[in-house]
Amino acid sequence: VREALAGVGITGLTVTEVKGFGRQKGHT
């Protein structure tokens, strides 16, 4: 994703490690 954004001219971004769930609903 970072390389793809750089490819369209976007040089700055913020990245955060997060946790969550949606339809995936976790796993065992």
mmCIF file of all heavy atoms, coordinates in Angstrom:
data_MODEL
# 
_entry.id   MODEL 
# 
loop_
_atom_site.group_PDB 
_atom_site.id 
_atom_site.type_symbol 
_atom_site.label_atom_id 
_atom_site.label_alt_id 
_atom_site.label_comp_id 
_atom_site.label_asym_id 
_atom_site.label_entity_id 
_atom_site.label_seq_id 
_atom_site.pdbx_PDB_ins_code 
_atom_site.Cartn_x 
_atom_site.Cartn_y 
_atom_site.Cartn_z 
_atom_site.occupancy 
_atom_site.B_iso_or_equiv 
_atom_site.pdbx_formal_charge 
_atom_site.auth_seq_id 
_atom_site.auth_comp_id 
_atom_site.auth_asym_id 
_atom_site.auth_atom_id 
_atom_site.pdbx_PDB_model_num 
ATOM 1   N N   . VAL A 1 1  ? 0.839   -1.199  0.000  1.00 0.00 ? 1  VAL A N   1 
ATOM 2   C CA  . VAL A 1 1  ? 0.000   0.000   0.000  1.00 0.00 ? 1  VAL A CA  1 
ATOM 3   C C   . VAL A 1 1  ? 0.873   1.248   0.000  1.00 0.00 ? 1  VAL A C   1 
ATOM 4   O O   . VAL A 1 1  ? 0.613   2.203   -0.741 1.00 0.00 ? 1  VAL A O   1 
ATOM 5   C CB  . VAL A 1 1  ? -0.979  -0.004  1.197  1.00 0.00 ? 1  VAL A CB  1 
ATOM 6   C CG1 . VAL A 1 1  ? -1.677  1.335   1.338  1.00 0.00 ? 1  VAL A CG1 1 
ATOM 7   C CG2 . VAL A 1 1  ? -1.996  -1.125  1.042  1.00 0.00 ? 1  VAL A CG2 1 
ATOM 8   N N   . ARG A 1 2  ? 1.938   1.267   0.793  1.00 0.00 ? 2  ARG A N   1 
ATOM 9   C CA  . ARG A 1 2  ? 2.843   2.413   0.836  1.00 0.00 ? 2  ARG A CA  1 
ATOM 10  C C   . ARG A 1 2  ? 3.461   2.667   -0.539 1.00 0.00 ? 2  ARG A C   1 
ATOM 11  O O   . ARG A 1 2  ? 3.528   3.803   -1.006 1.00 0.00 ? 2  ARG A O   1 
ATOM 12  C CB  . ARG A 1 2  ? 3.944   2.188   1.876  1.00 0.00 ? 2  ARG A CB  1 
ATOM 13  C CG  . ARG A 1 2  ? 4.863   3.382   2.049  1.00 0.00 ? 2  ARG A CG  1 
ATOM 14  C CD  . ARG A 1 2  ? 5.996   3.104   3.021  1.00 0.00 ? 2  ARG A CD  1 
ATOM 15  N NE  . ARG A 1 2  ? 6.727   1.874   2.740  1.00 0.00 ? 2  ARG A NE  1 
ATOM 16  C CZ  . ARG A 1 2  ? 7.665   1.741   1.801  1.00 0.00 ? 2  ARG A CZ  1 
ATOM 17  N NH1 . ARG A 1 2  ? 7.977   2.747   1.036  1.00 0.00 ? 2  ARG A NH1 1 
ATOM 18  N NH2 . ARG A 1 2  ? 8.278   0.584   1.633  1.00 0.00 ? 2  ARG A NH2 1 
ATOM 19  N N   . GLU A 1 3  ? 3.892   1.594   -1.202 1.00 0.00 ? 3  GLU A N   1 
ATOM 20  C CA  . GLU A 1 3  ? 4.475   1.737   -2.541 1.00 0.00 ? 3  GLU A CA  1 
ATOM 21  C C   . GLU A 1 3  ? 3.436   2.210   -3.550 1.00 0.00 ? 3  GLU A C   1 
ATOM 22  O O   . GLU A 1 3  ? 3.743   3.021   -4.427 1.00 0.00 ? 3  GLU A O   1 
ATOM 23  C CB  . GLU A 1 3  ? 5.090   0.412   -2.982 1.00 0.00 ? 3  GLU A CB  1 
ATOM 24  C CG  . GLU A 1 3  ? 6.343   0.050   -2.207 1.00 0.00 ? 3  GLU A CG  1 
ATOM 25  C CD  . GLU A 1 3  ? 6.812   -1.378  -2.455 1.00 0.00 ? 3  GLU A CD  1 
ATOM 26  O OE1 . GLU A 1 3  ? 6.248   -2.051  -3.354 1.00 0.00 ? 3  GLU A OE1 1 
ATOM 27  O OE2 . GLU A 1 3  ? 7.730   -1.826  -1.761 1.00 0.00 ? 3  GLU A OE2 1 
ATOM 28  N N   . ALA A 1 4  ? 2.206   1.719   -3.433 1.00 0.00 ? 4  ALA A N   1 
ATOM 29  C CA  . ALA A 1 4  ? 1.142   2.135   -4.352 1.00 0.00 ? 4  ALA A CA  1 
ATOM 30  C C   . ALA A 1 4  ? 0.819   3.614   -4.164 1.00 0.00 ? 4  ALA A C   1 
ATOM 31  O O   . ALA A 1 4  ? 0.602   4.342   -5.135 1.00 0.00 ? 4  ALA A O   1 
ATOM 32  C CB  . ALA A 1 4  ? -0.104  1.280   -4.133 1.00 0.00 ? 4  ALA A CB  1 
ATOM 33  N N   . LEU A 1 5  ? 0.798   4.071   -2.912 1.00 0.00 ? 5  LEU A N   1 
ATOM 34  C CA  . LEU A 1 5  ? 0.544   5.495   -2.652 1.00 0.00 ? 5  LEU A CA  1 
ATOM 35  C C   . LEU A 1 5  ? 1.695   6.353   -3.174 1.00 0.00 ? 5  LEU A C   1 
ATOM 36  O O   . LEU A 1 5  ? 1.466   7.417   -3.754 1.00 0.00 ? 5  LEU A O   1 
ATOM 37  C CB  . LEU A 1 5  ? 0.323   5.730   -1.155 1.00 0.00 ? 5  LEU A CB  1 
ATOM 38  C CG  . LEU A 1 5  ? -1.018  5.242   -0.612 1.00 0.00 ? 5  LEU A CG  1 
ATOM 39  C CD1 . LEU A 1 5  ? -1.035  5.333   0.910  1.00 0.00 ? 5  LEU A CD1 1 
ATOM 40  C CD2 . LEU A 1 5  ? -2.168  6.030   -1.208 1.00 0.00 ? 5  LEU A CD2 1 
ATOM 41  N N   . ALA A 1 6  ? 2.922   5.895   -3.001 1.00 0.00 ? 6  ALA A N   1 
ATOM 42  C CA  . ALA A 1 6  ? 4.065   6.622   -3.542 1.00 0.00 ? 6  ALA A CA  1 
ATOM 43  C C   . ALA A 1 6  ? 3.971   6.694   -5.063 1.00 0.00 ? 6  ALA A C   1 
ATOM 44  O O   . ALA A 1 6  ? 4.344   7.702   -5.669 1.00 0.00 ? 6  ALA A O   1 
ATOM 45  C CB  . ALA A 1 6  ? 5.366   5.961   -3.113 1.00 0.00 ? 6  ALA A CB  1 
ATOM 46  N N   . GLY A 1 7  ? 3.434   5.650   -5.670 1.00 0.00 ? 7  GLY A N   1 
ATOM 47  C CA  . GLY A 1 7  ? 3.271   5.614   -7.124 1.00 0.00 ? 7  GLY A CA  1 
ATOM 48  C C   . GLY A 1 7  ? 2.296   6.643   -7.660 1.00 0.00 ? 7  GLY A C   1 
ATOM 49  O O   . GLY A 1 7  ? 2.377   7.026   -8.828 1.00 0.00 ? 7  GLY A O   1 
ATOM 50  N N   . VAL A 1 8  ? 1.361   7.105   -6.813 1.00 0.00 ? 8  VAL A N   1 
ATOM 51  C CA  . VAL A 1 8  ? 0.415   8.148   -7.242 1.00 0.00 ? 8  VAL A CA  1 
ATOM 52  C C   . VAL A 1 8  ? 0.800   9.510   -6.661 1.00 0.00 ? 8  VAL A C   1 
ATOM 53  O O   . VAL A 1 8  ? 0.000   10.441  -6.665 1.00 0.00 ? 8  VAL A O   1 
ATOM 54  C CB  . VAL A 1 8  ? -1.052  7.788   -6.917 1.00 0.00 ? 8  VAL A CB  1 
ATOM 55  C CG1 . VAL A 1 8  ? -1.502  6.591   -7.726 1.00 0.00 ? 8  VAL A CG1 1 
ATOM 56  C CG2 . VAL A 1 8  ? -1.270  7.570   -5.435 1.00 0.00 ? 8  VAL A CG2 1 
ATOM 57  N N   . GLY A 1 9  ? 2.025   9.614   -6.121 1.00 0.00 ? 9  GLY A N   1 
ATOM 58  C CA  . GLY A 1 9  ? 2.539   10.900  -5.685 1.00 0.00 ? 9  GLY A CA  1 
ATOM 59  C C   . GLY A 1 9  ? 2.287   11.273  -4.234 1.00 0.00 ? 9  GLY A C   1 
ATOM 60  O O   . GLY A 1 9  ? 2.491   12.417  -3.850 1.00 0.00 ? 9  GLY A O   1 
ATOM 61  N N   . ILE A 1 10 ? 1.872   10.327  -3.417 1.00 0.00 ? 10 ILE A N   1 
ATOM 62  C CA  . ILE A 1 10 ? 1.631   10.615  -2.001 1.00 0.00 ? 10 ILE A CA  1 
ATOM 63  C C   . ILE A 1 10 ? 2.847   10.166  -1.210 1.00 0.00 ? 10 ILE A C   1 
ATOM 64  O O   . ILE A 1 10 ? 3.181   8.988   -1.179 1.00 0.00 ? 10 ILE A O   1 
ATOM 65  C CB  . ILE A 1 10 ? 0.341   9.935   -1.519 1.00 0.00 ? 10 ILE A CB  1 
ATOM 66  C CG1 . ILE A 1 10 ? -0.833  10.540  -2.271 1.00 0.00 ? 10 ILE A CG1 1 
ATOM 67  C CG2 . ILE A 1 10 ? 0.171   10.098  -0.017 1.00 0.00 ? 10 ILE A CG2 1 
ATOM 68  C CD1 . ILE A 1 10 ? -2.116  9.813   -2.139 1.00 0.00 ? 10 ILE A CD1 1 
ATOM 69  N N   . THR A 1 11 ? 3.501   11.135  -0.577 1.00 0.00 ? 11 THR A N   1 
ATOM 70  C CA  . THR A 1 11 ? 4.770   10.834  0.075  1.00 0.00 ? 11 THR A CA  1 
ATOM 71  C C   . THR A 1 11 ? 4.667   10.720  1.587  1.00 0.00 ? 11 THR A C   1 
ATOM 72  O O   . THR A 1 11 ? 5.504   10.078  2.202  1.00 0.00 ? 11 THR A O   1 
ATOM 73  C CB  . THR A 1 11 ? 5.802   11.922  -0.262 1.00 0.00 ? 11 THR A CB  1 
ATOM 74  O OG1 . THR A 1 11 ? 5.258   13.192  0.117  1.00 0.00 ? 11 THR A OG1 1 
ATOM 75  C CG2 . THR A 1 11 ? 6.110   11.929  -1.741 1.00 0.00 ? 11 THR A CG2 1 
ATOM 76  N N   . GLY A 1 12 ? 3.687   11.339  2.203  1.00 0.00 ? 12 GLY A N   1 
ATOM 77  C CA  . GLY A 1 12 ? 3.582   11.299  3.657  1.00 0.00 ? 12 GLY A CA  1 
ATOM 78  C C   . GLY A 1 12 ? 2.361   10.560  4.130  1.00 0.00 ? 12 GLY A C   1 
ATOM 79  O O   . GLY A 1 12 ? 1.283   10.697  3.555  1.00 0.00 ? 12 GLY A O   1 
ATOM 80  N N   . LEU A 1 13 ? 2.545   9.749   5.162  1.00 0.00 ? 13 LEU A N   1 
ATOM 81  C CA  . LEU A 1 13 ? 1.407   9.036   5.740  1.00 0.00 ? 13 LEU A CA  1 
ATOM 82  C C   . LEU A 1 13 ? 1.719   8.682   7.179  1.00 0.00 ? 13 LEU A C   1 
ATOM 83  O O   . LEU A 1 13 ? 2.860   8.704   7.601  1.00 0.00 ? 13 LEU A O   1 
ATOM 84  C CB  . LEU A 1 13 ? 1.044   7.782   4.936  1.00 0.00 ? 13 LEU A CB  1 
ATOM 85  C CG  . LEU A 1 13 ? 2.121   6.733   4.683  1.00 0.00 ? 13 LEU A CG  1 
ATOM 86  C CD1 . LEU A 1 13 ? 2.025   5.634   5.708  1.00 0.00 ? 13 LEU A CD1 1 
ATOM 87  C CD2 . LEU A 1 13 ? 1.920   6.152   3.302  1.00 0.00 ? 13 LEU A CD2 1 
ATOM 88  N N   . THR A 1 14 ? 0.674   8.376   7.917  1.00 0.00 ? 14 THR A N   1 
ATOM 89  C CA  . THR A 1 14 ? 0.812   7.962   9.312  1.00 0.00 ? 14 THR A CA  1 
ATOM 90  C C   . THR A 1 14 ? 0.317   6.533   9.426  1.00 0.00 ? 14 THR A C   1 
ATOM 91  O O   . THR A 1 14 ? -0.742  6.198   8.893  1.00 0.00 ? 14 THR A O   1 
ATOM 92  C CB  . THR A 1 14 ? -0.021  8.875   10.239 1.00 0.00 ? 14 THR A CB  1 
ATOM 93  O OG1 . THR A 1 14 ? 0.428   10.216  10.069 1.00 0.00 ? 14 THR A OG1 1 
ATOM 94  C CG2 . THR A 1 14 ? 0.118   8.468   11.690 1.00 0.00 ? 14 THR A CG2 1 
ATOM 95  N N   . VAL A 1 15 ? 1.071   5.695   10.125 1.00 0.00 ? 15 VAL A N   1 
ATOM 96  C CA  . VAL A 1 15 ? 0.712   4.286   10.292 1.00 0.00 ? 15 VAL A CA  1 
ATOM 97  C C   . VAL A 1 15 ? 0.604   3.982   11.781 1.00 0.00 ? 15 VAL A C   1 
ATOM 98  O O   . VAL A 1 15 ? 1.471   4.353   12.565 1.00 0.00 ? 15 VAL A O   1 
ATOM 99  C CB  . VAL A 1 15 ? 1.775   3.366   9.646  1.00 0.00 ? 15 VAL A CB  1 
ATOM 100 C CG1 . VAL A 1 15 ? 1.445   1.905   9.894  1.00 0.00 ? 15 VAL A CG1 1 
ATOM 101 C CG2 . VAL A 1 15 ? 1.889   3.653   8.165  1.00 0.00 ? 15 VAL A CG2 1 
ATOM 102 N N   . THR A 1 16 ? -0.483  3.294   12.149 1.00 0.00 ? 16 THR A N   1 
ATOM 103 C CA  . THR A 1 16 ? -0.708  2.894   13.528 1.00 0.00 ? 16 THR A CA  1 
ATOM 104 C C   . THR A 1 16 ? -1.069  1.417   13.553 1.00 0.00 ? 16 THR A C   1 
ATOM 105 O O   . THR A 1 16 ? -1.886  0.967   12.741 1.00 0.00 ? 16 THR A O   1 
ATOM 106 C CB  . THR A 1 16 ? -1.875  3.702   14.157 1.00 0.00 ? 16 THR A CB  1 
ATOM 107 O OG1 . THR A 1 16 ? -1.673  5.091   13.908 1.00 0.00 ? 16 THR A OG1 1 
ATOM 108 C CG2 . THR A 1 16 ? -1.986  3.450   15.635 1.00 0.00 ? 16 THR A CG2 1 
ATOM 109 N N   . GLU A 1 17 ? -0.467  0.673   14.484 1.00 0.00 ? 17 GLU A N   1 
ATOM 110 C CA  . GLU A 1 17 ? -0.872  -0.724  14.669 1.00 0.00 ? 17 GLU A CA  1 
ATOM 111 C C   . GLU A 1 17 ? -2.109  -0.728  15.550 1.00 0.00 ? 17 GLU A C   1 
ATOM 112 O O   . GLU A 1 17 ? -2.110  -0.148  16.634 1.00 0.00 ? 17 GLU A O   1 
ATOM 113 C CB  . GLU A 1 17 ? 0.254   -1.517  15.328 1.00 0.00 ? 17 GLU A CB  1 
ATOM 114 C CG  . GLU A 1 17 ? 1.465   -1.685  14.430 1.00 0.00 ? 17 GLU A CG  1 
ATOM 115 C CD  . GLU A 1 17 ? 2.570   -2.489  15.085 1.00 0.00 ? 17 GLU A CD  1 
ATOM 116 O OE1 . GLU A 1 17 ? 2.348   -3.072  16.165 1.00 0.00 ? 17 GLU A OE1 1 
ATOM 117 O OE2 . GLU A 1 17 ? 3.658   -2.520  14.503 1.00 0.00 ? 17 GLU A OE2 1 
ATOM 118 N N   . VAL A 1 18 ? -3.168  -1.382  15.062 1.00 0.00 ? 18 VAL A N   1 
ATOM 119 C CA  . VAL A 1 18 ? -4.436  -1.416  15.784 1.00 0.00 ? 18 VAL A CA  1 
ATOM 120 C C   . VAL A 1 18 ? -4.943  -2.854  15.842 1.00 0.00 ? 18 VAL A C   1 
ATOM 121 O O   . VAL A 1 18 ? -4.409  -3.745  15.183 1.00 0.00 ? 18 VAL A O   1 
ATOM 122 C CB  . VAL A 1 18 ? -5.498  -0.505  15.119 1.00 0.00 ? 18 VAL A CB  1 
ATOM 123 C CG1 . VAL A 1 18 ? -5.073  0.946   15.178 1.00 0.00 ? 18 VAL A CG1 1 
ATOM 124 C CG2 . VAL A 1 18 ? -5.759  -0.919  13.682 1.00 0.00 ? 18 VAL A CG2 1 
ATOM 125 N N   . LYS A 1 19 ? -5.977  -3.069  16.645 1.00 0.00 ? 19 LYS A N   1 
ATOM 126 C CA  . LYS A 1 19 ? -6.637  -4.366  16.711 1.00 0.00 ? 19 LYS A CA  1 
ATOM 127 C C   . LYS A 1 19 ? -8.127  -4.136  16.563 1.00 0.00 ? 19 LYS A C   1 
ATOM 128 O O   . LYS A 1 19 ? -8.653  -3.122  17.005 1.00 0.00 ? 19 LYS A O   1 
ATOM 129 C CB  . LYS A 1 19 ? -6.357  -5.061  18.036 1.00 0.00 ? 19 LYS A CB  1 
ATOM 130 C CG  . LYS A 1 19 ? -4.930  -5.493  18.198 1.00 0.00 ? 19 LYS A CG  1 
ATOM 131 C CD  . LYS A 1 19 ? -4.727  -6.256  19.480 1.00 0.00 ? 19 LYS A CD  1 
ATOM 132 C CE  . LYS A 1 19 ? -3.277  -6.682  19.576 1.00 0.00 ? 19 LYS A CE  1 
ATOM 133 N NZ  . LYS A 1 19 ? -3.065  -7.656  20.628 1.00 0.00 ? 19 LYS A NZ  1 
ATOM 134 N N   . GLY A 1 20 ? -8.803  -5.088  15.957 1.00 0.00 ? 20 GLY A N   1 
ATOM 135 C CA  . GLY A 1 20 ? -10.245 -4.952  15.789 1.00 0.00 ? 20 GLY A CA  1 
ATOM 136 C C   . GLY A 1 20 ? -10.830 -6.165  15.102 1.00 0.00 ? 20 GLY A C   1 
ATOM 137 O O   . GLY A 1 20 ? -10.124 -7.128  14.794 1.00 0.00 ? 20 GLY A O   1 
ATOM 138 N N   . PHE A 1 21 ? -12.121 -6.095  14.885 1.00 0.00 ? 21 PHE A N   1 
ATOM 139 C CA  . PHE A 1 21 ? -12.783 -7.164  14.146 1.00 0.00 ? 21 PHE A CA  1 
ATOM 140 C C   . PHE A 1 21 ? -14.029 -6.616  13.489 1.00 0.00 ? 21 PHE A C   1 
ATOM 141 O O   . PHE A 1 21 ? -14.575 -5.594  13.894 1.00 0.00 ? 21 PHE A O   1 
ATOM 142 C CB  . PHE A 1 21 ? -13.119 -8.367  15.039 1.00 0.00 ? 21 PHE A CB  1 
ATOM 143 C CG  . PHE A 1 21 ? -14.216 -8.098  16.035 1.00 0.00 ? 21 PHE A CG  1 
ATOM 144 C CD1 . PHE A 1 21 ? -15.533 -8.373  15.724 1.00 0.00 ? 21 PHE A CD1 1 
ATOM 145 C CD2 . PHE A 1 21 ? -13.917 -7.574  17.276 1.00 0.00 ? 21 PHE A CD2 1 
ATOM 146 C CE1 . PHE A 1 21 ? -16.540 -8.123  16.647 1.00 0.00 ? 21 PHE A CE1 1 
ATOM 147 C CE2 . PHE A 1 21 ? -14.901 -7.330  18.200 1.00 0.00 ? 21 PHE A CE2 1 
ATOM 148 C CZ  . PHE A 1 21 ? -16.226 -7.599  17.882 1.00 0.00 ? 21 PHE A CZ  1 
ATOM 149 N N   . GLY A 1 22 ? -14.453 -7.296  12.469 1.00 0.00 ? 22 GLY A N   1 
ATOM 150 C CA  . GLY A 1 22 ? -15.682 -6.979  11.751 1.00 0.00 ? 22 GLY A CA  1 
ATOM 151 C C   . GLY A 1 22 ? -16.387 -8.285  11.485 1.00 0.00 ? 22 GLY A C   1 
ATOM 152 O O   . GLY A 1 22 ? -16.667 -9.046  12.405 1.00 0.00 ? 22 GLY A O   1 
ATOM 153 N N   . ARG A 1 23 ? -16.598 -8.574  10.240 1.00 0.00 ? 23 ARG A N   1 
ATOM 154 C CA  . ARG A 1 23 ? -17.245 -9.848  9.883  1.00 0.00 ? 23 ARG A CA  1 
ATOM 155 C C   . ARG A 1 23 ? -16.340 -11.040 10.170 1.00 0.00 ? 23 ARG A C   1 
ATOM 156 O O   . ARG A 1 23 ? -16.807 -12.152 10.318 1.00 0.00 ? 23 ARG A O   1 
ATOM 157 C CB  . ARG A 1 23 ? -17.608 -9.845  8.403  1.00 0.00 ? 23 ARG A CB  1 
ATOM 158 C CG  . ARG A 1 23 ? -18.733 -8.908  8.097  1.00 0.00 ? 23 ARG A CG  1 
ATOM 159 C CD  . ARG A 1 23 ? -19.173 -9.044  6.683  1.00 0.00 ? 23 ARG A CD  1 
ATOM 160 N NE  . ARG A 1 23 ? -20.235 -8.087  6.407  1.00 0.00 ? 23 ARG A NE  1 
ATOM 161 C CZ  . ARG A 1 23 ? -20.584 -7.731  5.201  1.00 0.00 ? 23 ARG A CZ  1 
ATOM 162 N NH1 . ARG A 1 23 ? -19.959 -8.230  4.158  1.00 0.00 ? 23 ARG A NH1 1 
ATOM 163 N NH2 . ARG A 1 23 ? -21.547 -6.868  5.020  1.00 0.00 ? 23 ARG A NH2 1 
ATOM 164 N N   . GLN A 1 24 ? -15.040 -10.793 10.264 1.00 0.00 ? 24 GLN A N   1 
ATOM 165 C CA  . GLN A 1 24 ? -14.091 -11.859 10.538 1.00 0.00 ? 24 GLN A CA  1 
ATOM 166 C C   . GLN A 1 24 ? -14.342 -12.487 11.908 1.00 0.00 ? 24 GLN A C   1 
ATOM 167 O O   . GLN A 1 24 ? -14.151 -13.669 12.099 1.00 0.00 ? 24 GLN A O   1 
ATOM 168 C CB  . GLN A 1 24 ? -12.670 -11.283 10.502 1.00 0.00 ? 24 GLN A CB  1 
ATOM 169 C CG  . GLN A 1 24 ? -11.780 -11.943 9.521  1.00 0.00 ? 24 GLN A CG  1 
ATOM 170 C CD  . GLN A 1 24 ? -10.427 -11.259 9.473  1.00 0.00 ? 24 GLN A CD  1 
ATOM 171 O OE1 . GLN A 1 24 ? -10.290 -10.063 9.695  1.00 0.00 ? 24 GLN A OE1 1 
ATOM 172 N NE2 . GLN A 1 24 ? -9.422  -12.026 9.162  1.00 0.00 ? 24 GLN A NE2 1 
ATOM 173 N N   . LYS A 1 25 ? -14.714 -11.675 12.868 1.00 0.00 ? 25 LYS A N   1 
ATOM 174 C CA  . LYS A 1 25 ? -15.075 -12.095 14.220 1.00 0.00 ? 25 LYS A CA  1 
ATOM 175 C C   . LYS A 1 25 ? -14.018 -12.908 14.951 1.00 0.00 ? 25 LYS A C   1 
ATOM 176 O O   . LYS A 1 25 ? -14.324 -13.727 15.786 1.00 0.00 ? 25 LYS A O   1 
ATOM 177 C CB  . LYS A 1 25 ? -16.391 -12.871 14.200 1.00 0.00 ? 25 LYS A CB  1 
ATOM 178 C CG  . LYS A 1 25 ? -17.544 -12.029 13.718 1.00 0.00 ? 25 LYS A CG  1 
ATOM 179 C CD  . LYS A 1 25 ? -18.859 -12.630 14.089 1.00 0.00 ? 25 LYS A CD  1 
ATOM 180 C CE  . LYS A 1 25 ? -19.953 -11.645 13.806 1.00 0.00 ? 25 LYS A CE  1 
ATOM 181 N NZ  . LYS A 1 25 ? -20.788 -11.822 12.764 1.00 0.00 ? 25 LYS A NZ  1 
ATOM 182 N N   . GLY A 1 26 ? -12.769 -12.684 14.654 1.00 0.00 ? 26 GLY A N   1 
ATOM 183 C CA  . GLY A 1 26 ? -11.709 -13.369 15.387 1.00 0.00 ? 26 GLY A CA  1 
ATOM 184 C C   . GLY A 1 26 ? -11.567 -14.829 14.990 1.00 0.00 ? 26 GLY A C   1 
ATOM 185 O O   . GLY A 1 26 ? -12.154 -15.294 14.030 1.00 0.00 ? 26 GLY A O   1 
ATOM 186 N N   . HIS A 1 27 ? -10.801 -15.558 15.788 1.00 0.00 ? 27 HIS A N   1 
ATOM 187 C CA  . HIS A 1 27 ? -10.583 -16.974 15.520 1.00 0.00 ? 27 HIS A CA  1 
ATOM 188 C C   . HIS A 1 27 ? -10.128 -17.668 16.801 1.00 0.00 ? 27 HIS A C   1 
ATOM 189 O O   . HIS A 1 27 ? -9.812  -17.032 17.794 1.00 0.00 ? 27 HIS A O   1 
ATOM 190 C CB  . HIS A 1 27 ? -9.559  -17.161 14.392 1.00 0.00 ? 27 HIS A CB  1 
ATOM 191 C CG  . HIS A 1 27 ? -8.207  -16.597 14.703 1.00 0.00 ? 27 HIS A CG  1 
ATOM 192 N ND1 . HIS A 1 27 ? -7.904  -15.262 14.545 1.00 0.00 ? 27 HIS A ND1 1 
ATOM 193 C CD2 . HIS A 1 27 ? -7.079  -17.180 15.180 1.00 0.00 ? 27 HIS A CD2 1 
ATOM 194 C CE1 . HIS A 1 27 ? -6.650  -15.060 14.907 1.00 0.00 ? 27 HIS A CE1 1 
ATOM 195 N NE2 . HIS A 1 27 ? -6.122  -16.206 15.302 1.00 0.00 ? 27 HIS A NE2 1 
ATOM 196 N N   . THR A 1 28 ? -10.068 -18.989 16.751 1.00 0.00 ? 28 THR A N   1 
ATOM 197 C CA  . THR A 1 28 ? -9.656  -19.786 17.907 1.00 0.00 ? 28 THR A CA  1 
ATOM 198 C C   . THR A 1 28 ? -8.215  -20.248 17.716 1.00 0.00 ? 28 THR A C   1 
ATOM 199 O O   . THR A 1 28 ? -7.830  -20.656 16.625 1.00 0.00 ? 28 THR A O   1 
ATOM 200 C CB  . THR A 1 28 ? -10.581 -21.016 18.063 1.00 0.00 ? 28 THR A CB  1 
ATOM 201 O OG1 . THR A 1 28 ? -11.920 -20.551 18.138 1.00 0.00 ? 28 THR A OG1 1 
ATOM 202 C CG2 . THR A 1 28 ? -10.254 -21.791 19.292 1.00 0.00 ? 28 THR A CG2 1 
# 
